[in-house]
Amino acid sequence: MSSKTYYDPADLKKFGNITEWNEKLGDKFFDWYGEVFKEGELSAREKSLIALAVSHALQCPYCIEAYTVDGLKRGISEEEMMESVHVAAAIRGGSALVHGVQMMNKANEISM
């Protein structure tokens, strides 16, 4: 039985290679990405914590790994990281549940 997964952790190190097949757009992405994560109204630490939470909501294993490592380097505690994951989960769960209103509206419409 193989322990290999679909997501190869080594691929995270290859992320920069996406410019190989379209250098112009790849470079534009990385320029923009770099600007987004610079210190601004939000600190780099805050942005890392947001990125970690969003990574969980989007379920991106590469991003989860990258922003766990980045967060730890920035002094984000394990408790802060887990709290951010719970925030992401609450928003994701709430967004699924709020769509129940559409179901209720349709059921009420048909029942009339």
PDB file of N, CA and C in Angstrom:
ATOM      1  N   MET A   1       0.851  -1.179   0.000  1.00  0.00           N
ATOM      2  CA  MET A   1       0.000   0.000   0.000  1.00  0.00           C
ATOM      3  C   MET A   1       0.892   1.235   0.000  1.00  0.00           C
ATOM      4  N   SER A   2       0.602   2.144  -0.853  1.00  0.00           N
ATOM      5  CA  SER A   2       1.398   3.360  -1.001  1.00  0.00           C
ATOM      6  C   SER A   2       0.927   4.438  -0.031  1.00  0.00           C
ATOM      7  N   SER A   3       1.881   5.179   0.502  1.00  0.00           N
ATOM      8  CA  SER A   3       1.520   6.286   1.390  1.00  0.00           C
ATOM      9  C   SER A   3       1.545   7.612   0.637  1.00  0.00           C
ATOM     10  N   LYS A   4       1.709   7.552  -0.667  1.00  0.00           N
ATOM     11  CA  LYS A   4       1.754   8.761  -1.488  1.00  0.00           C
ATOM     12  C   LYS A   4       0.357   9.391  -1.569  1.00  0.00           C
ATOM     13  N   THR A   5       0.320  10.714  -1.520  1.00  0.00           N
ATOM     14  CA  THR A   5      -0.953  11.422  -1.624  1.00  0.00           C
ATOM     15  C   THR A   5      -1.007  12.174  -2.945  1.00  0.00           C
ATOM     16  N   TYR A   6      -2.177  12.624  -3.293  1.00  0.00           N
ATOM     17  CA  TYR A   6      -2.350  13.402  -4.518  1.00  0.00           C
ATOM     18  C   TYR A   6      -1.543  14.687  -4.463  1.00  0.00           C
ATOM     19  N   TYR A   7      -1.520  15.313  -3.313  1.00  0.00           N
ATOM     20  CA  TYR A   7      -0.762  16.540  -3.116  1.00  0.00           C
ATOM     21  C   TYR A   7       0.633  16.188  -2.639  1.00  0.00           C
ATOM     22  N   ASP A   8       1.619  16.455  -3.454  1.00  0.00           N
ATOM     23  CA  ASP A   8       3.002  16.185  -3.090  1.00  0.00           C
ATOM     24  C   ASP A   8       3.570  17.426  -2.411  1.00  0.00           C
ATOM     25  N   PRO A   9       3.942  17.332  -1.131  1.00  0.00           N
ATOM     26  CA  PRO A   9       4.480  18.500  -0.431  1.00  0.00           C
ATOM     27  C   PRO A   9       5.668  19.147  -1.155  1.00  0.00           C
ATOM     28  N   ALA A  10       6.410  18.359  -1.909  1.00  0.00           N
ATOM     29  CA  ALA A  10       7.554  18.911  -2.651  1.00  0.00           C
ATOM     30  C   ALA A  10       7.102  19.894  -3.735  1.00  0.00           C
ATOM     31  N   ASP A  11       5.858  19.776  -4.168  1.00  0.00           N
ATOM     32  CA  ASP A  11       5.365  20.681  -5.213  1.00  0.00           C
ATOM     33  C   ASP A  11       5.268  22.121  -4.746  1.00  0.00           C
ATOM     34  N   LEU A  12       5.120  22.338  -3.448  1.00  0.00           N
ATOM     35  CA  LEU A  12       5.054  23.707  -2.934  1.00  0.00           C
ATOM     36  C   LEU A  12       6.312  24.489  -3.311  1.00  0.00           C
ATOM     37  N   LYS A  13       7.443  23.822  -3.286  1.00  0.00           N
ATOM     38  CA  LYS A  13       8.704  24.471  -3.648  1.00  0.00           C
ATOM     39  C   LYS A  13       8.765  24.807  -5.146  1.00  0.00           C
ATOM     40  N   LYS A  14       7.898  24.208  -5.934  1.00  0.00           N
ATOM     41  CA  LYS A  14       7.873  24.435  -7.384  1.00  0.00           C
ATOM     42  C   LYS A  14       6.919  25.560  -7.790  1.00  0.00           C
ATOM     43  N   PHE A  15       6.273  26.178  -6.820  1.00  0.00           N
ATOM     44  CA  PHE A  15       5.263  27.205  -7.117  1.00  0.00           C
ATOM     45  C   PHE A  15       5.815  28.296  -8.035  1.00  0.00           C
ATOM     46  N   GLY A  16       7.039  28.712  -7.792  1.00  0.00           N
ATOM     47  CA  GLY A  16       7.649  29.745  -8.623  1.00  0.00           C
ATOM     48  C   GLY A  16       7.814  29.345 -10.076  1.00  0.00           C
ATOM     49  N   ASN A  17       7.732  28.059 -10.356  1.00  0.00           N
ATOM     50  CA  ASN A  17       7.899  27.576 -11.725  1.00  0.00           C
ATOM     51  C   ASN A  17       6.694  27.878 -12.620  1.00  0.00           C
ATOM     52  N   ILE A  18       5.607  28.366 -12.048  1.00  0.00           N
ATOM     53  CA  ILE A  18       4.434  28.625 -12.894  1.00  0.00           C
ATOM     54  C   ILE A  18       4.715  29.696 -13.944  1.00  0.00           C
ATOM     55  N   THR A  19       5.786  30.446 -13.769  1.00  0.00           N
ATOM     56  CA  THR A  19       6.139  31.459 -14.779  1.00  0.00           C
ATOM     57  C   THR A  19       6.716  30.817 -16.040  1.00  0.00           C
ATOM     58  N   GLU A  20       7.133  29.571 -15.976  1.00  0.00           N
ATOM     59  CA  GLU A  20       7.771  28.921 -17.122  1.00  0.00           C
ATOM     60  C   GLU A  20       6.869  28.842 -18.340  1.00  0.00           C
ATOM     61  N   TRP A  21       5.607  28.633 -18.141  1.00  0.00           N
ATOM     62  CA  TRP A  21       4.719  28.458 -19.281  1.00  0.00           C
ATOM     63  C   TRP A  21       4.006  29.740 -19.692  1.00  0.00           C
ATOM     64  N   ASN A  22       4.126  30.757 -18.867  1.00  0.00           N
ATOM     65  CA  ASN A  22       3.612  32.080 -19.234  1.00  0.00           C
ATOM     66  C   ASN A  22       4.306  33.088 -18.328  1.00  0.00           C
ATOM     67  N   GLU A  23       5.490  33.493 -18.734  1.00  0.00           N
ATOM     68  CA  GLU A  23       6.316  34.361 -17.894  1.00  0.00           C
ATOM     69  C   GLU A  23       5.635  35.687 -17.590  1.00  0.00           C
ATOM     70  N   LYS A  24       4.998  36.279 -18.578  1.00  0.00           N
ATOM     71  CA  LYS A  24       4.374  37.594 -18.385  1.00  0.00           C
ATOM     72  C   LYS A  24       3.307  37.548 -17.290  1.00  0.00           C
ATOM     73  N   LEU A  25       2.380  36.619 -17.398  1.00  0.00           N
ATOM     74  CA  LEU A  25       1.309  36.544 -16.397  1.00  0.00           C
ATOM     75  C   LEU A  25       1.816  36.027 -15.059  1.00  0.00           C
ATOM     76  N   GLY A  26       2.740  35.064 -15.082  1.00  0.00           N
ATOM     77  CA  GLY A  26       3.323  34.566 -13.840  1.00  0.00           C
ATOM     78  C   GLY A  26       4.025  35.670 -13.074  1.00  0.00           C
ATOM     79  N   ASP A  27       4.824  36.471 -13.794  1.00  0.00           N
ATOM     80  CA  ASP A  27       5.527  37.581 -13.145  1.00  0.00           C
ATOM     81  C   ASP A  27       4.552  38.602 -12.579  1.00  0.00           C
ATOM     82  N   LYS A  28       3.483  38.884 -13.330  1.00  0.00           N
ATOM     83  CA  LYS A  28       2.477  39.830 -12.837  1.00  0.00           C
ATOM     84  C   LYS A  28       1.827  39.303 -11.563  1.00  0.00           C
ATOM     85  N   PHE A  29       1.527  38.002 -11.530  1.00  0.00           N
ATOM     86  CA  PHE A  29       0.934  37.422 -10.332  1.00  0.00           C
ATOM     87  C   PHE A  29       1.872  37.585  -9.142  1.00  0.00           C
ATOM     88  N   PHE A  30       3.135  37.205  -9.311  1.00  0.00           N
ATOM     89  CA  PHE A  30       4.067  37.262  -8.188  1.00  0.00           C
ATOM     90  C   PHE A  30       4.361  38.693  -7.748  1.00  0.00           C
ATOM     91  N   ASP A  31       4.348  39.643  -8.689  1.00  0.00           N
ATOM     92  CA  ASP A  31       4.498  41.055  -8.310  1.00  0.00           C
ATOM     93  C   ASP A  31       3.323  41.485  -7.442  1.00  0.00           C
ATOM     94  N   TRP A  32       2.112  41.144  -7.894  1.00  0.00           N
ATOM     95  CA  TRP A  32       0.899  41.494  -7.154  1.00  0.00           C
ATOM     96  C   TRP A  32       0.870  40.789  -5.795  1.00  0.00           C
ATOM     97  N   TYR A  33       1.184  39.497  -5.789  1.00  0.00           N
ATOM     98  CA  TYR A  33       1.198  38.708  -4.558  1.00  0.00           C
ATOM     99  C   TYR A  33       2.151  39.316  -3.534  1.00  0.00           C
ATOM    100  N   GLY A  34       3.315  39.712  -4.008  1.00  0.00           N
ATOM    101  CA  GLY A  34       4.297  40.346  -3.126  1.00  0.00           C
ATOM    102  C   GLY A  34       3.783  41.647  -2.540  1.00  0.00           C
ATOM    103  N   GLU A  35       3.110  42.441  -3.346  1.00  0.00           N
ATOM    104  CA  GLU A  35       2.536  43.710  -2.872  1.00  0.00           C
ATOM    105  C   GLU A  35       1.458  43.458  -1.827  1.00  0.00           C
ATOM    106  N   VAL A  36       0.618  42.462  -2.067  1.00  0.00           N
ATOM    107  CA  VAL A  36      -0.475  42.153  -1.143  1.00  0.00           C
ATOM    108  C   VAL A  36       0.053  41.845   0.251  1.00  0.00           C
ATOM    109  N   PHE A  37       1.169  41.128   0.331  1.00  0.00           N
ATOM    110  CA  PHE A  37       1.666  40.679   1.630  1.00  0.00           C
ATOM    111  C   PHE A  37       2.670  41.620   2.274  1.00  0.00           C
ATOM    112  N   LYS A  38       2.905  42.777   1.670  1.00  0.00           N
ATOM    113  CA  LYS A  38       3.770  43.777   2.305  1.00  0.00           C
ATOM    114  C   LYS A  38       3.034  44.413   3.483  1.00  0.00           C
ATOM    115  N   GLU A  39       3.811  44.934   4.423  1.00  0.00           N
ATOM    116  CA  GLU A  39       3.223  45.682   5.537  1.00  0.00           C
ATOM    117  C   GLU A  39       2.376  46.820   4.971  1.00  0.00           C
ATOM    118  N   GLY A  40       1.227  47.016   5.518  1.00  0.00           N
ATOM    119  CA  GLY A  40       0.337  48.098   5.103  1.00  0.00           C
ATOM    120  C   GLY A  40      -0.542  48.465   6.284  1.00  0.00           C
ATOM    121  N   GLU A  41      -1.813  48.664   6.032  1.00  0.00           N
ATOM    122  CA  GLU A  41      -2.747  48.905   7.127  1.00  0.00           C
ATOM    123  C   GLU A  41      -2.807  47.674   8.028  1.00  0.00           C
ATOM    124  N   LEU A  42      -2.594  46.513   7.430  1.00  0.00           N
ATOM    125  CA  LEU A  42      -2.483  45.272   8.191  1.00  0.00           C
ATOM    126  C   LEU A  42      -1.012  44.889   8.255  1.00  0.00           C
ATOM    127  N   SER A  43      -0.604  44.336   9.376  1.00  0.00           N
ATOM    128  CA  SER A  43       0.780  43.881   9.506  1.00  0.00           C
ATOM    129  C   SER A  43       0.968  42.583   8.715  1.00  0.00           C
ATOM    130  N   ALA A  44       2.209  42.261   8.427  1.00  0.00           N
ATOM    131  CA  ALA A  44       2.510  40.995   7.751  1.00  0.00           C
ATOM    132  C   ALA A  44       2.040  39.821   8.613  1.00  0.00           C
ATOM    133  N   ARG A  45       2.123  39.971   9.914  1.00  0.00           N
ATOM    134  CA  ARG A  45       1.658  38.939  10.841  1.00  0.00           C
ATOM    135  C   ARG A  45       0.150  38.736  10.704  1.00  0.00           C
ATOM    136  N   GLU A  46      -0.599  39.832  10.672  1.00  0.00           N
ATOM    137  CA  GLU A  46      -2.056  39.739  10.521  1.00  0.00           C
ATOM    138  C   GLU A  46      -2.423  39.118   9.173  1.00  0.00           C
ATOM    139  N   LYS A  47      -1.711  39.519   8.139  1.00  0.00           N
ATOM    140  CA  LYS A  47      -1.984  38.968   6.811  1.00  0.00           C
ATOM    141  C   LYS A  47      -1.697  37.477   6.767  1.00  0.00           C
ATOM    142  N   SER A  48      -0.644  37.047   7.454  1.00  0.00           N
ATOM    143  CA  SER A  48      -0.315  35.623   7.507  1.00  0.00           C
ATOM    144  C   SER A  48      -1.424  34.838   8.201  1.00  0.00           C
ATOM    145  N   LEU A  49      -1.972  35.386   9.265  1.00  0.00           N
ATOM    146  CA  LEU A  49      -3.051  34.719   9.992  1.00  0.00           C
ATOM    147  C   LEU A  49      -4.324  34.658   9.138  1.00  0.00           C
ATOM    148  N   ILE A  50      -4.612  35.727   8.430  1.00  0.00           N
ATOM    149  CA  ILE A  50      -5.760  35.723   7.512  1.00  0.00           C
ATOM    150  C   ILE A  50      -5.549  34.675   6.427  1.00  0.00           C
ATOM    151  N   ALA A  51      -4.348  34.652   5.860  1.00  0.00           N
ATOM    152  CA  ALA A  51      -4.043  33.686   4.800  1.00  0.00           C
ATOM    153  C   ALA A  51      -4.191  32.257   5.304  1.00  0.00           C
ATOM    154  N   LEU A  52      -3.795  32.005   6.534  1.00  0.00           N
ATOM    155  CA  LEU A  52      -3.937  30.671   7.105  1.00  0.00           C
ATOM    156  C   LEU A  52      -5.411  30.289   7.219  1.00  0.00           C
ATOM    157  N   ALA A  53      -6.229  31.209   7.687  1.00  0.00           N
ATOM    158  CA  ALA A  53      -7.661  30.930   7.820  1.00  0.00           C
ATOM    159  C   ALA A  53      -8.304  30.688   6.451  1.00  0.00           C
ATOM    160  N   VAL A  54      -7.992  31.540   5.498  1.00  0.00           N
ATOM    161  CA  VAL A  54      -8.544  31.385   4.146  1.00  0.00           C
ATOM    162  C   VAL A  54      -8.070  30.069   3.534  1.00  0.00           C
ATOM    163  N   SER A  55      -6.820  29.699   3.790  1.00  0.00           N
ATOM    164  CA  SER A  55      -6.286  28.436   3.280  1.00  0.00           C
ATOM    165  C   SER A  55      -7.126  27.250   3.731  1.00  0.00           C
ATOM    166  N   HIS A  56      -7.569  27.314   4.975  1.00  0.00           N
ATOM    167  CA  HIS A  56      -8.415  26.236   5.494  1.00  0.00           C
ATOM    168  C   HIS A  56      -9.803  26.284   4.867  1.00  0.00           C
ATOM    169  N   ALA A  57     -10.354  27.466   4.703  1.00  0.00           N
ATOM    170  CA  ALA A  57     -11.680  27.579   4.088  1.00  0.00           C
ATOM    171  C   ALA A  57     -11.652  27.067   2.649  1.00  0.00           C
ATOM    172  N   LEU A  58     -10.557  27.333   1.945  1.00  0.00           N
ATOM    173  CA  LEU A  58     -10.414  26.865   0.558  1.00  0.00           C
ATOM    174  C   LEU A  58      -9.863  25.450   0.476  1.00  0.00           C
ATOM    175  N   GLN A  59      -9.391  24.946   1.595  1.00  0.00           N
ATOM    176  CA  GLN A  59      -8.839  23.601   1.719  1.00  0.00           C
ATOM    177  C   GLN A  59      -7.654  23.372   0.778  1.00  0.00           C
ATOM    178  N   CYS A  60      -6.717  24.316   0.802  1.00  0.00           N
ATOM    179  CA  CYS A  60      -5.506  24.226  -0.014  1.00  0.00           C
ATOM    180  C   CYS A  60      -4.358  23.710   0.853  1.00  0.00           C
ATOM    181  N   PRO A  61      -3.952  22.451   0.682  1.00  0.00           N
ATOM    182  CA  PRO A  61      -2.904  21.907   1.537  1.00  0.00           C
ATOM    183  C   PRO A  61      -1.571  22.638   1.386  1.00  0.00           C
ATOM    184  N   TYR A  62      -1.283  23.133   0.207  1.00  0.00           N
ATOM    185  CA  TYR A  62      -0.035  23.870  -0.002  1.00  0.00           C
ATOM    186  C   TYR A  62      -0.044  25.165   0.800  1.00  0.00           C
ATOM    187  N   CYS A  63      -1.155  25.878   0.743  1.00  0.00           N
ATOM    188  CA  CYS A  63      -1.280  27.148   1.464  1.00  0.00           C
ATOM    189  C   CYS A  63      -1.296  26.922   2.976  1.00  0.00           C
ATOM    190  N   ILE A  64      -1.966  25.850   3.404  1.00  0.00           N
ATOM    191  CA  ILE A  64      -1.997  25.544   4.831  1.00  0.00           C
ATOM    192  C   ILE A  64      -0.573  25.326   5.332  1.00  0.00           C
ATOM    193  N   GLU A  65       0.199  24.551   4.585  1.00  0.00           N
ATOM    194  CA  GLU A  65       1.586  24.303   4.980  1.00  0.00           C
ATOM    195  C   GLU A  65       2.389  25.606   4.983  1.00  0.00           C
ATOM    196  N   ALA A  66       2.283  26.361   3.898  1.00  0.00           N
ATOM    197  CA  ALA A  66       3.086  27.581   3.765  1.00  0.00           C
ATOM    198  C   ALA A  66       2.759  28.592   4.856  1.00  0.00           C
ATOM    199  N   TYR A  67       1.481  28.802   5.157  1.00  0.00           N
ATOM    200  CA  TYR A  67       1.117  29.827   6.131  1.00  0.00           C
ATOM    201  C   TYR A  67       1.167  29.336   7.567  1.00  0.00           C
ATOM    202  N   THR A  68       1.219  28.023   7.780  1.00  0.00           N
ATOM    203  CA  THR A  68       1.532  27.520   9.115  1.00  0.00           C
ATOM    204  C   THR A  68       2.987  27.832   9.424  1.00  0.00           C
ATOM    205  N   VAL A  69       3.863  27.515   8.487  1.00  0.00           N
ATOM    206  CA  VAL A  69       5.293  27.792   8.660  1.00  0.00           C
ATOM    207  C   VAL A  69       5.528  29.297   8.796  1.00  0.00           C
ATOM    208  N   ASP A  70       4.917  30.077   7.897  1.00  0.00           N
ATOM    209  CA  ASP A  70       5.080  31.532   7.938  1.00  0.00           C
ATOM    210  C   ASP A  70       4.573  32.111   9.249  1.00  0.00           C
ATOM    211  N   GLY A  71       3.420  31.647   9.697  1.00  0.00           N
ATOM    212  CA  GLY A  71       2.846  32.149  10.945  1.00  0.00           C
ATOM    213  C   GLY A  71       3.729  31.856  12.145  1.00  0.00           C
ATOM    214  N   LEU A  72       4.253  30.644  12.205  1.00  0.00           N
ATOM    215  CA  LEU A  72       5.143  30.302  13.314  1.00  0.00           C
ATOM    216  C   LEU A  72       6.392  31.185  13.313  1.00  0.00           C
ATOM    217  N   LYS A  73       6.920  31.450  12.112  1.00  0.00           N
ATOM    218  CA  LYS A  73       8.093  32.333  12.005  1.00  0.00           C
ATOM    219  C   LYS A  73       7.765  33.746  12.468  1.00  0.00           C
ATOM    220  N   ARG A  74       6.510  34.148  12.319  1.00  0.00           N
ATOM    221  CA  ARG A  74       6.088  35.497  12.698  1.00  0.00           C
ATOM    222  C   ARG A  74       5.600  35.559  14.140  1.00  0.00           C
ATOM    223  N   GLY A  75       5.732  34.474  14.861  1.00  0.00           N
ATOM    224  CA  GLY A  75       5.359  34.476  16.275  1.00  0.00           C
ATOM    225  C   GLY A  75       3.893  34.234  16.543  1.00  0.00           C
ATOM    226  N   ILE A  76       3.161  33.750  15.570  1.00  0.00           N
ATOM    227  CA  ILE A  76       1.749  33.428  15.779  1.00  0.00           C
ATOM    228  C   ILE A  76       1.697  32.126  16.576  1.00  0.00           C
ATOM    229  N   SER A  77       0.945  32.148  17.649  1.00  0.00           N
ATOM    230  CA  SER A  77       0.871  30.964  18.516  1.00  0.00           C
ATOM    231  C   SER A  77      -0.028  29.890  17.902  1.00  0.00           C
ATOM    232  N   GLU A  78       0.155  28.680  18.400  1.00  0.00           N
ATOM    233  CA  GLU A  78      -0.708  27.578  17.960  1.00  0.00           C
ATOM    234  C   GLU A  78      -2.167  27.879  18.285  1.00  0.00           C
ATOM    235  N   GLU A  79      -2.410  28.492  19.427  1.00  0.00           N
ATOM    236  CA  GLU A  79      -3.781  28.832  19.824  1.00  0.00           C
ATOM    237  C   GLU A  79      -4.392  29.860  18.877  1.00  0.00           C
ATOM    238  N   GLU A  80      -3.602  30.856  18.467  1.00  0.00           N
ATOM    239  CA  GLU A  80      -4.095  31.855  17.517  1.00  0.00           C
ATOM    240  C   GLU A  80      -4.393  31.209  16.164  1.00  0.00           C
ATOM    241  N   MET A  81      -3.513  30.304  15.749  1.00  0.00           N
ATOM    242  CA  MET A  81      -3.745  29.624  14.472  1.00  0.00           C
ATOM    243  C   MET A  81      -5.031  28.815  14.518  1.00  0.00           C
ATOM    244  N   MET A  82      -5.227  28.046  15.590  1.00  0.00           N
ATOM    245  CA  MET A  82      -6.438  27.225  15.681  1.00  0.00           C
ATOM    246  C   MET A  82      -7.686  28.094  15.776  1.00  0.00           C
ATOM    247  N   GLU A  83      -7.600  29.214  16.480  1.00  0.00           N
ATOM    248  CA  GLU A  83      -8.757  30.115  16.555  1.00  0.00           C
ATOM    249  C   GLU A  83      -9.101  30.651  15.169  1.00  0.00           C
ATOM    250  N   SER A  84      -8.077  30.970  14.371  1.00  0.00           N
ATOM    251  CA  SER A  84      -8.341  31.467  13.013  1.00  0.00           C
ATOM    252  C   SER A  84      -8.999  30.380  12.164  1.00  0.00           C
ATOM    253  N   VAL A  85      -8.615  29.120  12.378  1.00  0.00           N
ATOM    254  CA  VAL A  85      -9.242  28.012  11.654  1.00  0.00           C
ATOM    255  C   VAL A  85     -10.716  27.897  12.048  1.00  0.00           C
ATOM    256  N   HIS A  86     -11.009  28.087  13.329  1.00  0.00           N
ATOM    257  CA  HIS A  86     -12.408  28.042  13.773  1.00  0.00           C
ATOM    258  C   HIS A  86     -13.215  29.195  13.186  1.00  0.00           C
ATOM    259  N   VAL A  87     -12.603  30.359  13.072  1.00  0.00           N
ATOM    260  CA  VAL A  87     -13.298  31.484  12.436  1.00  0.00           C
ATOM    261  C   VAL A  87     -13.629  31.124  10.985  1.00  0.00           C
ATOM    262  N   ALA A  88     -12.650  30.590  10.270  1.00  0.00           N
ATOM    263  CA  ALA A  88     -12.884  30.196   8.874  1.00  0.00           C
ATOM    264  C   ALA A  88     -13.980  29.145   8.777  1.00  0.00           C
ATOM    265  N   ALA A  89     -13.950  28.165   9.685  1.00  0.00           N
ATOM    266  CA  ALA A  89     -14.963  27.112   9.673  1.00  0.00           C
ATOM    267  C   ALA A  89     -16.355  27.666   9.971  1.00  0.00           C
ATOM    268  N   ALA A  90     -16.432  28.614  10.896  1.00  0.00           N
ATOM    269  CA  ALA A  90     -17.724  29.216  11.233  1.00  0.00           C
ATOM    270  C   ALA A  90     -18.298  29.985  10.043  1.00  0.00           C
ATOM    271  N   ILE A  91     -17.439  30.716   9.348  1.00  0.00           N
ATOM    272  CA  ILE A  91     -17.907  31.460   8.170  1.00  0.00           C
ATOM    273  C   ILE A  91     -18.327  30.495   7.068  1.00  0.00           C
ATOM    274  N   ARG A  92     -17.529  29.463   6.858  1.00  0.00           N
ATOM    275  CA  ARG A  92     -17.870  28.481   5.813  1.00  0.00           C
ATOM    276  C   ARG A  92     -19.173  27.768   6.159  1.00  0.00           C
ATOM    277  N   GLY A  93     -19.329  27.365   7.429  1.00  0.00           N
ATOM    278  CA  GLY A  93     -20.564  26.704   7.847  1.00  0.00           C
ATOM    279  C   GLY A  93     -21.764  27.633   7.747  1.00  0.00           C
ATOM    280  N   GLY A  94     -21.569  28.864   8.196  1.00  0.00           N
ATOM    281  CA  GLY A  94     -22.654  29.843   8.127  1.00  0.00           C
ATOM    282  C   GLY A  94     -23.069  30.152   6.700  1.00  0.00           C
ATOM    283  N   SER A  95     -22.091  30.198   5.804  1.00  0.00           N
ATOM    284  CA  SER A  95     -22.427  30.496   4.408  1.00  0.00           C
ATOM    285  C   SER A  95     -23.227  29.354   3.787  1.00  0.00           C
ATOM    286  N   ALA A  96     -22.974  28.122   4.208  1.00  0.00           N
ATOM    287  CA  ALA A  96     -23.777  27.000   3.730  1.00  0.00           C
ATOM    288  C   ALA A  96     -25.189  27.080   4.296  1.00  0.00           C
ATOM    289  N   LEU A  97     -25.280  27.378   5.590  1.00  0.00           N
ATOM    290  CA  LEU A  97     -26.593  27.415   6.234  1.00  0.00           C
ATOM    291  C   LEU A  97     -27.467  28.563   5.740  1.00  0.00           C
ATOM    292  N   VAL A  98     -26.871  29.721   5.489  1.00  0.00           N
ATOM    293  CA  VAL A  98     -27.677  30.859   5.055  1.00  0.00           C
ATOM    294  C   VAL A  98     -28.328  30.593   3.693  1.00  0.00           C
ATOM    295  N   HIS A  99     -27.725  29.721   2.905  1.00  0.00           N
ATOM    296  CA  HIS A  99     -28.345  29.357   1.636  1.00  0.00           C
ATOM    297  C   HIS A  99     -29.608  28.520   1.849  1.00  0.00           C
ATOM    298  N   GLY A 100     -29.795  28.038   3.074  1.00  0.00           N
ATOM    299  CA  GLY A 100     -31.027  27.350   3.410  1.00  0.00           C
ATOM    300  C   GLY A 100     -32.238  28.252   3.273  1.00  0.00           C
ATOM    301  N   VAL A 101     -32.027  29.555   3.367  1.00  0.00           N
ATOM    302  CA  VAL A 101     -33.128  30.509   3.175  1.00  0.00           C
ATOM    303  C   VAL A 101     -33.687  30.378   1.757  1.00  0.00           C
ATOM    304  N   GLN A 102     -32.816  30.159   0.775  1.00  0.00           N
ATOM    305  CA  GLN A 102     -33.299  29.967  -0.600  1.00  0.00           C
ATOM    306  C   GLN A 102     -34.199  28.740  -0.686  1.00  0.00           C
ATOM    307  N   MET A 103     -33.788  27.651  -0.019  1.00  0.00           N
ATOM    308  CA  MET A 103     -34.590  26.440   0.005  1.00  0.00           C
ATOM    309  C   MET A 103     -35.939  26.706   0.661  1.00  0.00           C
ATOM    310  N   MET A 104     -35.889  27.420   1.795  1.00  0.00           N
ATOM    311  CA  MET A 104     -37.134  27.716   2.512  1.00  0.00           C
ATOM    312  C   MET A 104     -38.054  28.584   1.664  1.00  0.00           C
ATOM    313  N   ASN A 105     -37.482  29.590   0.986  1.00  0.00           N
ATOM    314  CA  ASN A 105     -38.286  30.445   0.113  1.00  0.00           C
ATOM    315  C   ASN A 105     -38.949  29.631  -0.991  1.00  0.00           C
ATOM    316  N   LYS A 106     -38.168  28.726  -1.633  1.00  0.00           N
ATOM    317  CA  LYS A 106     -38.709  27.922  -2.728  1.00  0.00           C
ATOM    318  C   LYS A 106     -39.780  26.966  -2.227  1.00  0.00           C
ATOM    319  N   ALA A 107     -39.530  26.324  -1.088  1.00  0.00           N
ATOM    320  CA  ALA A 107     -40.516  25.400  -0.523  1.00  0.00           C
ATOM    321  C   ALA A 107     -41.807  26.147  -0.169  1.00  0.00           C
ATOM    322  N   ASN A 108     -41.672  27.336   0.416  1.00  0.00           N
ATOM    323  CA  ASN A 108     -42.863  28.131   0.751  1.00  0.00           C
ATOM    324  C   ASN A 108     -43.602  28.558  -0.505  1.00  0.00           C
ATOM    325  N   GLU A 109     -42.852  28.915  -1.549  1.00  0.00           N
ATOM    326  CA  GLU A 109     -43.468  29.331  -2.816  1.00  0.00           C
ATOM    327  C   GLU A 109     -44.274  28.190  -3.421  1.00  0.00           C
ATOM    328  N   ILE A 110     -43.714  26.998  -3.423  1.00  0.00           N
ATOM    329  CA  ILE A 110     -44.387  25.831  -4.003  1.00  0.00           C
ATOM    330  C   ILE A 110     -45.586  25.406  -3.165  1.00  0.00           C
ATOM    331  N   SER A 111     -45.463  25.570  -1.865  1.00  0.00           N
ATOM    332  CA  SER A 111     -46.537  25.150  -0.948  1.00  0.00           C
ATOM    333  C   SER A 111     -47.754  26.053  -1.006  1.00  0.00           C
ATOM    334  N   MET A 112     -47.602  27.244  -1.551  1.00  0.00           N
ATOM    335  CA  MET A 112     -48.719  28.191  -1.569  1.00  0.00           C
ATOM    336  C   MET A 112     -49.757  27.820  -2.558  1.00  0.00           C
TER     337      MET A 112
END
